Amino acid sequence: PGFVEGVWDAAHVRNSDVTENLGQVAVVLTDKTGTLTDNIMVLKALTVAGRVYGCHGEPFSDEVRLEDDQALKSAVLEGSAAMLQLLRCLALCNSVATVAPENVAERVAYEAASPDEEALVLAARGAGVVLLSRTLEKVTVDVAGQHE
């Protein structure tokens, strides 16, 4: 309903450098109003070295999950350089902030400026490349059990 004097939690700024980066954009993934997606985006498929992963059957089905693709899991476990490079890019090349879990049993949570950035980071996590932490000095990822 808008800004209410004295109430400071009405809006949260998650990213202030969007306009600075706009000139670098080559591909835009968007649902302008969020009415079609409820502002929820999921990466359903990707192509690496000419091979499509995650898109077997009906690609727009809610049952299709990239992380369930056995060929993708095999590529990660076998250490496919092209696959791991792409997944590292999905996990690292964004402005997603990490939120440390309250206890060790929980996963790292993410705060993203846009649903598409979060979808890419979550897809990388589902495939085995996990964004663990981000500070001004360092970004840490877990790649198949190894911290980088």
N, C-alpha and C. Protein backbone atom coordinates (compact mmCIF):
# COMPACT_ATOMS: atom_id res chain seq x y z
N PRO A 1 0.79 -1.20 0.00
CA PRO A 1 0.00 0.00 0.00
C PRO A 1 0.84 1.27 0.00
N GLY A 2 2.15 1.17 -0.04
CA GLY A 2 2.97 2.36 -0.07
C GLY A 2 3.70 2.61 1.22
N PHE A 3 4.42 3.68 1.27
CA PHE A 3 5.23 4.02 2.43
C PHE A 3 4.36 4.59 3.53
N VAL A 4 4.60 4.11 4.74
CA VAL A 4 3.89 4.61 5.91
C VAL A 4 4.94 5.19 6.85
N GLU A 5 4.80 6.45 7.19
CA GLU A 5 5.75 7.13 8.08
C GLU A 5 5.91 6.34 9.38
N GLY A 6 7.17 6.10 9.76
CA GLY A 6 7.44 5.39 11.01
C GLY A 6 7.55 3.89 10.85
N VAL A 7 7.19 3.36 9.69
CA VAL A 7 7.31 1.93 9.44
C VAL A 7 8.44 1.74 8.43
N TRP A 8 9.53 1.14 8.88
CA TRP A 8 10.72 1.06 8.03
C TRP A 8 10.87 -0.27 7.32
N ASP A 9 10.06 -1.25 7.59
CA ASP A 9 10.22 -2.55 6.95
C ASP A 9 9.30 -2.76 5.74
N ALA A 10 8.80 -1.68 5.18
CA ALA A 10 7.89 -1.79 4.04
C ALA A 10 8.61 -2.23 2.77
N ALA A 11 9.90 -1.90 2.65
CA ALA A 11 10.65 -2.27 1.46
C ALA A 11 12.08 -2.60 1.86
N HIS A 12 12.67 -3.55 1.16
CA HIS A 12 14.06 -3.95 1.40
C HIS A 12 14.84 -3.79 0.11
N VAL A 13 15.88 -2.99 0.12
CA VAL A 13 16.73 -2.84 -1.05
C VAL A 13 17.68 -4.02 -1.08
N ARG A 14 17.65 -4.77 -2.17
CA ARG A 14 18.50 -5.94 -2.29
C ARG A 14 19.63 -5.74 -3.30
N ASN A 15 19.50 -4.73 -4.15
CA ASN A 15 20.53 -4.51 -5.15
C ASN A 15 20.42 -3.07 -5.64
N SER A 16 21.53 -2.37 -5.62
CA SER A 16 21.50 -0.99 -6.07
C SER A 16 22.29 -0.77 -7.35
N ASP A 17 22.90 -1.82 -7.87
CA ASP A 17 23.74 -1.64 -9.06
C ASP A 17 23.10 -2.16 -10.34
N VAL A 18 21.80 -2.32 -10.35
CA VAL A 18 21.11 -2.85 -11.53
C VAL A 18 21.33 -1.95 -12.75
N THR A 19 21.17 -0.65 -12.59
CA THR A 19 21.31 0.23 -13.75
C THR A 19 22.73 0.27 -14.26
N GLU A 20 23.72 0.14 -13.37
CA GLU A 20 25.11 0.14 -13.81
C GLU A 20 25.43 -1.08 -14.66
N ASN A 21 24.78 -2.20 -14.37
CA ASN A 21 25.05 -3.44 -15.08
C ASN A 21 24.18 -3.62 -16.32
N LEU A 22 23.19 -2.78 -16.50
CA LEU A 22 22.22 -2.96 -17.57
C LEU A 22 22.88 -3.01 -18.95
N GLY A 23 23.91 -2.21 -19.18
CA GLY A 23 24.58 -2.19 -20.47
C GLY A 23 25.32 -3.47 -20.79
N GLN A 24 25.55 -4.33 -19.80
CA GLN A 24 26.27 -5.58 -20.00
C GLN A 24 25.35 -6.76 -20.27
N VAL A 25 24.05 -6.55 -20.24
CA VAL A 25 23.09 -7.63 -20.37
C VAL A 25 23.00 -8.11 -21.81
N ALA A 26 23.12 -9.43 -22.00
CA ALA A 26 22.99 -10.02 -23.32
C ALA A 26 21.66 -10.78 -23.44
N VAL A 27 21.19 -11.36 -22.32
CA VAL A 27 19.96 -12.13 -22.31
C VAL A 27 19.14 -11.68 -21.11
N VAL A 28 17.85 -11.47 -21.33
CA VAL A 28 16.97 -11.07 -20.24
C VAL A 28 15.93 -12.16 -20.05
N LEU A 29 15.83 -12.67 -18.82
CA LEU A 29 14.80 -13.64 -18.45
C LEU A 29 13.85 -12.90 -17.53
N THR A 30 12.62 -12.70 -17.97
CA THR A 30 11.73 -11.90 -17.13
C THR A 30 10.26 -12.25 -17.33
N ASP A 31 9.53 -12.03 -16.28
CA ASP A 31 8.08 -12.02 -16.31
C ASP A 31 7.76 -10.67 -15.67
N LYS A 32 7.53 -9.69 -16.50
CA LYS A 32 7.49 -8.29 -16.07
C LYS A 32 6.70 -8.06 -14.79
N THR A 33 5.56 -8.64 -14.67
CA THR A 33 4.73 -8.37 -13.50
C THR A 33 4.73 -9.51 -12.51
N GLY A 34 5.25 -10.67 -12.89
CA GLY A 34 5.22 -11.82 -11.99
C GLY A 34 3.88 -12.52 -11.96
N THR A 35 2.93 -12.08 -12.77
CA THR A 35 1.60 -12.68 -12.73
C THR A 35 1.59 -14.11 -13.26
N LEU A 36 2.47 -14.41 -14.20
CA LEU A 36 2.50 -15.76 -14.75
C LEU A 36 3.28 -16.71 -13.87
N THR A 37 4.30 -16.22 -13.20
CA THR A 37 5.20 -17.07 -12.44
C THR A 37 5.08 -16.92 -10.93
N ASP A 38 4.26 -16.00 -10.46
CA ASP A 38 4.21 -15.68 -9.03
C ASP A 38 5.59 -15.33 -8.51
N ASN A 39 6.42 -14.76 -9.39
CA ASN A 39 7.81 -14.41 -9.08
C ASN A 39 8.63 -15.61 -8.63
N ILE A 40 8.26 -16.80 -9.11
CA ILE A 40 9.03 -18.01 -8.85
C ILE A 40 9.57 -18.50 -10.17
N MET A 41 10.88 -18.60 -10.26
CA MET A 41 11.51 -19.07 -11.49
C MET A 41 12.32 -20.32 -11.17
N VAL A 42 12.33 -21.26 -12.11
CA VAL A 42 13.06 -22.50 -11.95
C VAL A 42 13.78 -22.79 -13.25
N LEU A 43 15.07 -23.11 -13.18
CA LEU A 43 15.81 -23.51 -14.36
C LEU A 43 15.47 -24.96 -14.65
N LYS A 44 14.83 -25.21 -15.79
CA LYS A 44 14.35 -26.55 -16.12
C LYS A 44 15.34 -27.34 -16.97
N ALA A 45 16.14 -26.65 -17.77
CA ALA A 45 17.06 -27.35 -18.67
C ALA A 45 18.24 -26.46 -18.99
N LEU A 46 19.33 -27.10 -19.40
CA LEU A 46 20.49 -26.35 -19.88
C LEU A 46 21.22 -27.20 -20.91
N THR A 47 22.02 -26.54 -21.70
CA THR A 47 22.79 -27.23 -22.73
C THR A 47 24.26 -27.00 -22.47
N VAL A 48 25.02 -28.08 -22.44
CA VAL A 48 26.47 -28.02 -22.23
C VAL A 48 27.13 -28.87 -23.30
N ALA A 49 28.04 -28.25 -24.04
CA ALA A 49 28.78 -28.94 -25.09
C ALA A 49 27.85 -29.67 -26.06
N GLY A 50 26.73 -29.02 -26.40
CA GLY A 50 25.80 -29.57 -27.37
C GLY A 50 24.81 -30.59 -26.82
N ARG A 51 24.89 -30.90 -25.53
CA ARG A 51 23.98 -31.87 -24.94
C ARG A 51 22.97 -31.16 -24.04
N VAL A 52 21.69 -31.54 -24.16
CA VAL A 52 20.63 -30.94 -23.35
C VAL A 52 20.43 -31.78 -22.09
N TYR A 53 20.39 -31.10 -20.96
CA TYR A 53 20.16 -31.76 -19.68
C TYR A 53 18.86 -31.23 -19.08
N GLY A 54 18.08 -32.13 -18.47
CA GLY A 54 16.88 -31.74 -17.75
C GLY A 54 15.62 -31.66 -18.56
N CYS A 55 15.70 -31.72 -19.86
CA CYS A 55 14.53 -31.51 -20.69
C CYS A 55 14.14 -32.80 -21.39
N HIS A 56 13.69 -33.77 -20.62
CA HIS A 56 13.26 -35.04 -21.19
C HIS A 56 11.75 -35.13 -21.01
N GLY A 57 11.04 -35.18 -22.08
CA GLY A 57 9.58 -35.18 -21.99
C GLY A 57 9.06 -33.76 -22.13
N GLU A 58 8.09 -33.42 -21.34
CA GLU A 58 7.45 -32.10 -21.40
C GLU A 58 8.23 -31.09 -20.56
N PRO A 59 8.92 -30.12 -21.21
CA PRO A 59 9.80 -29.21 -20.47
C PRO A 59 9.08 -28.25 -19.53
N PHE A 60 7.80 -27.97 -19.76
CA PHE A 60 7.11 -27.01 -18.92
C PHE A 60 6.30 -27.68 -17.81
N SER A 61 6.47 -28.98 -17.67
CA SER A 61 5.78 -29.71 -16.62
C SER A 61 6.40 -29.39 -15.26
N ASP A 62 5.58 -29.33 -14.23
CA ASP A 62 6.09 -29.10 -12.88
C ASP A 62 6.92 -30.27 -12.38
N GLU A 63 6.74 -31.45 -12.99
CA GLU A 63 7.51 -32.62 -12.57
C GLU A 63 8.95 -32.59 -13.09
N VAL A 64 9.24 -31.81 -14.12
CA VAL A 64 10.59 -31.75 -14.69
C VAL A 64 11.47 -30.95 -13.74
N ARG A 65 12.52 -31.60 -13.24
CA ARG A 65 13.48 -30.95 -12.36
C ARG A 65 14.88 -31.23 -12.88
N LEU A 66 15.62 -30.20 -13.12
CA LEU A 66 16.98 -30.33 -13.65
C LEU A 66 17.83 -31.25 -12.77
N GLU A 67 17.72 -31.10 -11.46
CA GLU A 67 18.55 -31.87 -10.55
C GLU A 67 18.26 -33.37 -10.57
N ASP A 68 17.12 -33.78 -11.16
CA ASP A 68 16.79 -35.20 -11.25
C ASP A 68 17.39 -35.87 -12.49
N ASP A 69 18.01 -35.10 -13.37
CA ASP A 69 18.58 -35.64 -14.61
C ASP A 69 19.81 -36.50 -14.28
N GLN A 70 19.72 -37.79 -14.57
CA GLN A 70 20.82 -38.72 -14.26
C GLN A 70 22.08 -38.41 -15.07
N ALA A 71 21.92 -37.96 -16.31
CA ALA A 71 23.09 -37.61 -17.13
C ALA A 71 23.82 -36.41 -16.53
N LEU A 72 23.07 -35.46 -15.98
CA LEU A 72 23.67 -34.29 -15.31
C LEU A 72 24.45 -34.74 -14.09
N LYS A 73 23.84 -35.59 -13.27
CA LYS A 73 24.52 -36.10 -12.08
C LYS A 73 25.80 -36.82 -12.46
N SER A 74 25.75 -37.63 -13.52
CA SER A 74 26.93 -38.36 -13.97
C SER A 74 28.02 -37.40 -14.44
N ALA A 75 27.64 -36.37 -15.18
CA ALA A 75 28.63 -35.40 -15.68
C ALA A 75 29.34 -34.71 -14.52
N VAL A 76 28.60 -34.39 -13.46
CA VAL A 76 29.20 -33.74 -12.29
C VAL A 76 30.11 -34.73 -11.56
N LEU A 77 29.63 -35.94 -11.32
CA LEU A 77 30.43 -36.94 -10.61
C LEU A 77 31.70 -37.32 -11.37
N GLU A 78 31.60 -37.35 -12.70
CA GLU A 78 32.77 -37.69 -13.53
C GLU A 78 33.71 -36.50 -13.70
N GLY A 79 33.30 -35.34 -13.21
CA GLY A 79 34.16 -34.16 -13.27
C GLY A 79 34.23 -33.52 -14.64
N SER A 80 33.14 -33.57 -15.40
CA SER A 80 33.10 -32.92 -16.72
C SER A 80 33.50 -31.45 -16.58
N ALA A 81 34.62 -31.08 -17.21
CA ALA A 81 35.14 -29.71 -17.08
C ALA A 81 34.12 -28.68 -17.57
N ALA A 82 33.47 -28.95 -18.69
CA ALA A 82 32.51 -28.00 -19.25
C ALA A 82 31.30 -27.84 -18.32
N MET A 83 30.80 -28.95 -17.79
CA MET A 83 29.65 -28.90 -16.90
C MET A 83 30.00 -28.16 -15.61
N LEU A 84 31.13 -28.49 -15.01
CA LEU A 84 31.52 -27.84 -13.75
C LEU A 84 31.80 -26.36 -13.95
N GLN A 85 32.35 -26.00 -15.10
CA GLN A 85 32.59 -24.58 -15.38
C GLN A 85 31.27 -23.82 -15.47
N LEU A 86 30.29 -24.39 -16.15
CA LEU A 86 28.98 -23.73 -16.25
C LEU A 86 28.33 -23.62 -14.87
N LEU A 87 28.35 -24.69 -14.10
CA LEU A 87 27.73 -24.67 -12.78
C LEU A 87 28.43 -23.68 -11.84
N ARG A 88 29.76 -23.57 -11.94
CA ARG A 88 30.47 -22.55 -11.16
C ARG A 88 29.99 -21.16 -11.56
N CYS A 89 29.83 -20.94 -12.85
CA CYS A 89 29.34 -19.63 -13.32
C CYS A 89 27.95 -19.33 -12.78
N LEU A 90 27.06 -20.33 -12.78
CA LEU A 90 25.72 -20.12 -12.25
C LEU A 90 25.77 -19.77 -10.77
N ALA A 91 26.67 -20.41 -10.03
CA ALA A 91 26.75 -20.18 -8.59
C ALA A 91 27.46 -18.88 -8.24
N LEU A 92 28.41 -18.44 -9.08
CA LEU A 92 29.26 -17.31 -8.72
C LEU A 92 28.91 -15.98 -9.38
N CYS A 93 28.44 -16.01 -10.60
CA CYS A 93 28.27 -14.77 -11.38
C CYS A 93 26.89 -14.15 -11.14
N ASN A 94 26.73 -13.58 -9.97
CA ASN A 94 25.46 -12.98 -9.58
C ASN A 94 25.70 -12.11 -8.36
N SER A 95 24.65 -11.51 -7.88
CA SER A 95 24.75 -10.68 -6.67
C SER A 95 23.96 -11.29 -5.51
N VAL A 96 23.75 -12.60 -5.55
CA VAL A 96 22.99 -13.28 -4.52
C VAL A 96 23.77 -13.27 -3.21
N ALA A 97 23.09 -12.89 -2.13
CA ALA A 97 23.69 -12.88 -0.80
C ALA A 97 23.38 -14.21 -0.11
N THR A 98 24.34 -14.69 0.67
CA THR A 98 24.11 -15.93 1.43
C THR A 98 23.71 -15.57 2.86
N VAL A 99 22.86 -16.41 3.41
CA VAL A 99 22.42 -16.25 4.80
C VAL A 99 22.80 -17.53 5.52
N ALA A 100 23.71 -17.41 6.48
CA ALA A 100 24.19 -18.58 7.21
C ALA A 100 23.04 -19.25 7.95
N PRO A 101 23.02 -20.58 7.94
CA PRO A 101 21.96 -21.29 8.66
C PRO A 101 22.12 -21.13 10.16
N GLU A 102 21.00 -21.23 10.88
CA GLU A 102 21.03 -21.10 12.32
C GLU A 102 21.66 -22.33 12.99
N ASN A 103 21.55 -23.49 12.35
CA ASN A 103 22.25 -24.67 12.87
C ASN A 103 22.86 -25.42 11.70
N VAL A 104 23.80 -26.28 12.02
CA VAL A 104 24.58 -26.95 10.98
C VAL A 104 23.78 -27.88 10.09
N ALA A 105 22.66 -28.34 10.54
CA ALA A 105 21.85 -29.27 9.76
C ALA A 105 21.09 -28.58 8.62
N GLU A 106 20.97 -27.27 8.68
CA GLU A 106 20.23 -26.53 7.67
C GLU A 106 21.13 -26.13 6.51
N ARG A 107 20.51 -25.88 5.36
CA ARG A 107 21.22 -25.40 4.19
C ARG A 107 21.40 -23.89 4.26
N VAL A 108 22.40 -23.41 3.52
CA VAL A 108 22.58 -21.97 3.37
C VAL A 108 21.36 -21.42 2.64
N ALA A 109 20.82 -20.31 3.10
CA ALA A 109 19.70 -19.66 2.43
C ALA A 109 20.24 -18.55 1.55
N TYR A 110 19.45 -18.14 0.57
CA TYR A 110 19.87 -17.10 -0.36
C TYR A 110 18.89 -15.94 -0.38
N GLU A 111 19.43 -14.74 -0.54
CA GLU A 111 18.62 -13.55 -0.77
C GLU A 111 19.06 -12.97 -2.11
N ALA A 112 18.14 -12.94 -3.05
CA ALA A 112 18.46 -12.50 -4.41
C ALA A 112 17.68 -11.26 -4.77
N ALA A 113 18.29 -10.42 -5.61
CA ALA A 113 17.64 -9.21 -6.08
C ALA A 113 16.52 -9.54 -7.05
N SER A 114 16.61 -10.71 -7.70
CA SER A 114 15.59 -11.10 -8.66
C SER A 114 15.40 -12.61 -8.62
N PRO A 115 14.21 -13.08 -8.98
CA PRO A 115 13.94 -14.52 -8.95
C PRO A 115 14.80 -15.30 -9.94
N ASP A 116 15.22 -14.67 -11.05
CA ASP A 116 16.04 -15.40 -12.02
C ASP A 116 17.42 -15.69 -11.45
N GLU A 117 18.02 -14.75 -10.71
CA GLU A 117 19.32 -15.00 -10.10
C GLU A 117 19.21 -16.14 -9.09
N GLU A 118 18.17 -16.12 -8.28
CA GLU A 118 18.00 -17.18 -7.29
C GLU A 118 17.79 -18.53 -7.98
N ALA A 119 17.04 -18.55 -9.07
CA ALA A 119 16.80 -19.80 -9.80
C ALA A 119 18.10 -20.40 -10.32
N LEU A 120 19.00 -19.57 -10.80
CA LEU A 120 20.28 -20.07 -11.32
C LEU A 120 21.15 -20.61 -10.20
N VAL A 121 21.20 -19.92 -9.06
CA VAL A 121 22.00 -20.38 -7.92
C VAL A 121 21.41 -21.69 -7.37
N LEU A 122 20.09 -21.78 -7.28
CA LEU A 122 19.45 -23.00 -6.80
C LEU A 122 19.66 -24.17 -7.75
N ALA A 123 19.68 -23.90 -9.05
CA ALA A 123 19.95 -24.96 -10.03
C ALA A 123 21.36 -25.49 -9.87
N ALA A 124 22.32 -24.59 -9.67
CA ALA A 124 23.70 -25.02 -9.45
C ALA A 124 23.79 -25.86 -8.19
N ARG A 125 23.11 -25.41 -7.12
CA ARG A 125 23.11 -26.17 -5.86
C ARG A 125 22.53 -27.56 -6.07
N GLY A 126 21.41 -27.64 -6.79
CA GLY A 126 20.78 -28.93 -7.05
C GLY A 126 21.67 -29.87 -7.85
N ALA A 127 22.57 -29.30 -8.65
CA ALA A 127 23.46 -30.12 -9.47
C ALA A 127 24.78 -30.43 -8.77
N GLY A 128 25.01 -29.83 -7.60
CA GLY A 128 26.22 -30.18 -6.86
C GLY A 128 27.25 -29.09 -6.71
N VAL A 129 26.96 -27.88 -7.16
CA VAL A 129 27.88 -26.74 -6.96
C VAL A 129 27.13 -25.73 -6.10
N VAL A 130 27.53 -25.63 -4.83
CA VAL A 130 26.78 -24.89 -3.84
C VAL A 130 27.49 -23.59 -3.46
N LEU A 131 26.79 -22.48 -3.61
CA LEU A 131 27.28 -21.20 -3.12
C LEU A 131 27.16 -21.24 -1.59
N LEU A 132 28.31 -21.22 -0.90
CA LEU A 132 28.32 -21.34 0.55
C LEU A 132 28.33 -20.01 1.27
N SER A 133 29.17 -19.09 0.78
CA SER A 133 29.26 -17.79 1.45
C SER A 133 29.80 -16.75 0.47
N ARG A 134 29.44 -15.50 0.75
CA ARG A 134 29.90 -14.38 -0.07
C ARG A 134 30.18 -13.22 0.86
N THR A 135 31.42 -12.72 0.82
CA THR A 135 31.78 -11.51 1.54
C THR A 135 32.40 -10.55 0.53
N LEU A 136 32.80 -9.39 0.98
CA LEU A 136 33.46 -8.44 0.07
C LEU A 136 34.80 -8.97 -0.42
N GLU A 137 35.45 -9.81 0.37
CA GLU A 137 36.78 -10.30 0.04
C GLU A 137 36.79 -11.68 -0.60
N LYS A 138 35.75 -12.48 -0.38
CA LYS A 138 35.83 -13.89 -0.75
C LYS A 138 34.47 -14.49 -1.04
N VAL A 139 34.44 -15.38 -2.03
CA VAL A 139 33.25 -16.17 -2.32
C VAL A 139 33.66 -17.63 -2.23
N THR A 140 32.88 -18.43 -1.50
CA THR A 140 33.21 -19.84 -1.32
C THR A 140 32.10 -20.68 -1.91
N VAL A 141 32.51 -21.68 -2.70
CA VAL A 141 31.56 -22.65 -3.25
C VAL A 141 32.02 -24.04 -2.88
N ASP A 142 31.08 -24.94 -2.85
CA ASP A 142 31.37 -26.37 -2.66
C ASP A 142 31.13 -27.02 -4.01
N VAL A 143 32.19 -27.61 -4.57
CA VAL A 143 32.08 -28.29 -5.86
C VAL A 143 32.33 -29.77 -5.61
N ALA A 144 31.26 -30.54 -5.67
CA ALA A 144 31.34 -31.99 -5.46
C ALA A 144 32.08 -32.33 -4.18
N GLY A 145 31.78 -31.61 -3.08
CA GLY A 145 32.37 -31.91 -1.78
C GLY A 145 33.67 -31.18 -1.47
N GLN A 146 34.21 -30.43 -2.41
CA GLN A 146 35.46 -29.70 -2.20
C GLN A 146 35.17 -28.20 -2.14
N HIS A 147 35.69 -27.54 -1.12
CA HIS A 147 35.51 -26.08 -1.01
C HIS A 147 36.51 -25.36 -1.90
N GLU A 148 36.02 -24.40 -2.65
CA GLU A 148 36.87 -23.58 -3.52
C GLU A 148 36.64 -22.12 -3.20
